[in-house]
């Protein structure tokens, strides 16, 4: 999970603040068959989870294999 946490921090560099942050969702898991860890992240603004403010990161052997996101990157977030 730490690889994913650092990846998100890098992707959102300059946009993370005390009021605009993220959480790693509890439904993140490692697939026993493939060894890939699927990490799900949710954007949080002013303590409220953002609907569809999601990022998924797929990690194996300490490397990010792929990711996708619907995090709001520009303009006001609220």
C-alpha atoms as a PDB file:
ATOM      1  CA  UNK A   1       0.000   0.000   0.000  1.00  0.00           C
ATOM      2  CA  UNK A   2       2.926   2.356   0.588  1.00  0.00           C
ATOM      3  CA  UNK A   3       3.938   2.220  -3.080  1.00  0.00           C
ATOM      4  CA  UNK A   4       0.406   3.284  -4.025  1.00  0.00           C
ATOM      5  CA  UNK A   5       0.329   6.007  -1.344  1.00  0.00           C
ATOM      6  CA  UNK A   6       3.565   7.524  -2.687  1.00  0.00           C
ATOM      7  CA  UNK A   7       2.300   7.206  -6.257  1.00  0.00           C
ATOM      8  CA  UNK A   8      -0.884   9.147  -5.412  1.00  0.00           C
ATOM      9  CA  UNK A   9       1.121  11.825  -3.621  1.00  0.00           C
ATOM     10  CA  UNK A  10       3.314  12.208  -6.720  1.00  0.00           C
ATOM     11  CA  UNK A  11       0.315  12.293  -9.095  1.00  0.00           C
ATOM     12  CA  UNK A  12      -1.480  14.910  -6.998  1.00  0.00           C
ATOM     13  CA  UNK A  13       1.614  16.926  -6.081  1.00  0.00           C
ATOM     14  CA  UNK A  14       0.804  20.582  -5.620  1.00  0.00           C
ATOM     15  CA  UNK A  15      -2.914  19.867  -5.264  1.00  0.00           C
ATOM     16  CA  UNK A  16      -2.949  18.102  -1.901  1.00  0.00           C
ATOM     17  CA  UNK A  17      -3.756  20.333   1.048  1.00  0.00           C
ATOM     18  CA  UNK A  18      -5.211  19.955   4.497  1.00  0.00           C
ATOM     19  CA  UNK A  19      -8.665  20.400   2.892  1.00  0.00           C
ATOM     20  CA  UNK A  20      -8.011  18.379  -0.290  1.00  0.00           C
ATOM     21  CA  UNK A  21      -6.580  14.963   0.446  1.00  0.00           C
ATOM     22  CA  UNK A  22      -7.259  11.258  -0.134  1.00  0.00           C
ATOM     23  CA  UNK A  23      -7.864   7.995   1.685  1.00  0.00           C
ATOM     24  CA  UNK A  24      -6.986   4.445   0.721  1.00  0.00           C
ATOM     25  CA  UNK A  25     -10.236   2.510   0.697  1.00  0.00           C
ATOM     26  CA  UNK A  26     -10.682  -0.563   2.866  1.00  0.00           C
ATOM     27  CA  UNK A  27     -11.710  -2.706  -0.119  1.00  0.00           C
ATOM     28  CA  UNK A  28      -8.165  -2.646  -1.543  1.00  0.00           C
ATOM     29  CA  UNK A  29      -6.747  -6.169  -1.799  1.00  0.00           C
ATOM     30  CA  UNK A  30      -4.022  -8.440  -3.171  1.00  0.00           C
ATOM     31  CA  UNK A  31      -5.090 -11.074  -5.692  1.00  0.00           C
ATOM     32  CA  UNK A  32      -3.714 -14.409  -4.483  1.00  0.00           C
ATOM     33  CA  UNK A  33      -3.500 -15.834  -8.021  1.00  0.00           C
ATOM     34  CA  UNK A  34      -1.590 -12.980  -9.665  1.00  0.00           C
ATOM     35  CA  UNK A  35       0.107 -11.286  -6.701  1.00  0.00           C
ATOM     36  CA  UNK A  36      -1.193  -7.929  -7.948  1.00  0.00           C
ATOM     37  CA  UNK A  37      -2.348  -5.520  -5.264  1.00  0.00           C
ATOM     38  CA  UNK A  38      -5.374  -3.487  -6.315  1.00  0.00           C
ATOM     39  CA  UNK A  39      -5.447  -0.238  -4.355  1.00  0.00           C
ATOM     40  CA  UNK A  40      -8.527   1.964  -4.410  1.00  0.00           C
ATOM     41  CA  UNK A  41      -8.223   5.611  -3.423  1.00  0.00           C
ATOM     42  CA  UNK A  42     -10.958   8.190  -2.762  1.00  0.00           C
ATOM     43  CA  UNK A  43     -10.556  11.963  -2.936  1.00  0.00           C
ATOM     44  CA  UNK A  44     -11.624  13.831   0.216  1.00  0.00           C
ATOM     45  CA  UNK A  45     -12.439  17.561   0.253  1.00  0.00           C
ATOM     46  CA  UNK A  46     -13.179  19.338   3.527  1.00  0.00           C
ATOM     47  CA  UNK A  47     -13.560  15.948   5.205  1.00  0.00           C
ATOM     48  CA  UNK A  48     -16.188  14.745   2.713  1.00  0.00           C
ATOM     49  CA  UNK A  49     -15.554  11.911   0.270  1.00  0.00           C
ATOM     50  CA  UNK A  50     -15.975  13.087  -3.331  1.00  0.00           C
ATOM     51  CA  UNK A  51     -18.436  11.043  -5.396  1.00  0.00           C
ATOM     52  CA  UNK A  52     -16.520   9.520  -8.316  1.00  0.00           C
ATOM     53  CA  UNK A  53     -13.272  11.072  -7.040  1.00  0.00           C
ATOM     54  CA  UNK A  54     -11.536   7.719  -7.377  1.00  0.00           C
ATOM     55  CA  UNK A  55      -8.150   6.358  -8.350  1.00  0.00           C
ATOM     56  CA  UNK A  56      -7.222   2.714  -8.806  1.00  0.00           C
ATOM     57  CA  UNK A  57      -3.585   1.637  -8.713  1.00  0.00           C
ATOM     58  CA  UNK A  58      -2.326  -1.858  -9.545  1.00  0.00           C
ATOM     59  CA  UNK A  59       0.986  -2.786  -7.892  1.00  0.00           C
ATOM     60  CA  UNK A  60       3.203  -5.864  -8.098  1.00  0.00           C
ATOM     61  CA  UNK A  61       6.708  -6.398  -6.751  1.00  0.00           C
ATOM     62  CA  UNK A  62       6.895  -2.777  -5.589  1.00  0.00           C
ATOM     63  CA  UNK A  63       6.086  -1.327  -9.022  1.00  0.00           C
ATOM     64  CA  UNK A  64       2.957   0.396 -10.322  1.00  0.00           C
ATOM     65  CA  UNK A  65       1.694  -1.647 -13.270  1.00  0.00           C
ATOM     66  CA  UNK A  66      -1.228   0.571 -14.199  1.00  0.00           C
ATOM     67  CA  UNK A  67      -3.639   3.134 -12.842  1.00  0.00           C
ATOM     68  CA  UNK A  68      -6.748   5.077 -13.697  1.00  0.00           C
ATOM     69  CA  UNK A  69      -8.471   7.988 -12.054  1.00  0.00           C
ATOM     70  CA  UNK A  70     -11.491  10.243 -12.015  1.00  0.00           C
ATOM     71  CA  UNK A  71     -10.019  12.660  -9.467  1.00  0.00           C
ATOM     72  CA  UNK A  72     -10.860  16.288 -10.131  1.00  0.00           C
ATOM     73  CA  UNK A  73      -7.568  17.951 -11.111  1.00  0.00           C
ATOM     74  CA  UNK A  74      -8.473  21.573 -11.838  1.00  0.00           C
ATOM     75  CA  UNK A  75     -10.703  24.354 -10.707  1.00  0.00           C
ATOM     76  CA  UNK A  76     -12.556  24.576  -7.421  1.00  0.00           C
ATOM     77  CA  UNK A  77     -13.326  21.254  -5.847  1.00  0.00           C
ATOM     78  CA  UNK A  78     -16.404  22.441  -3.943  1.00  0.00           C
END
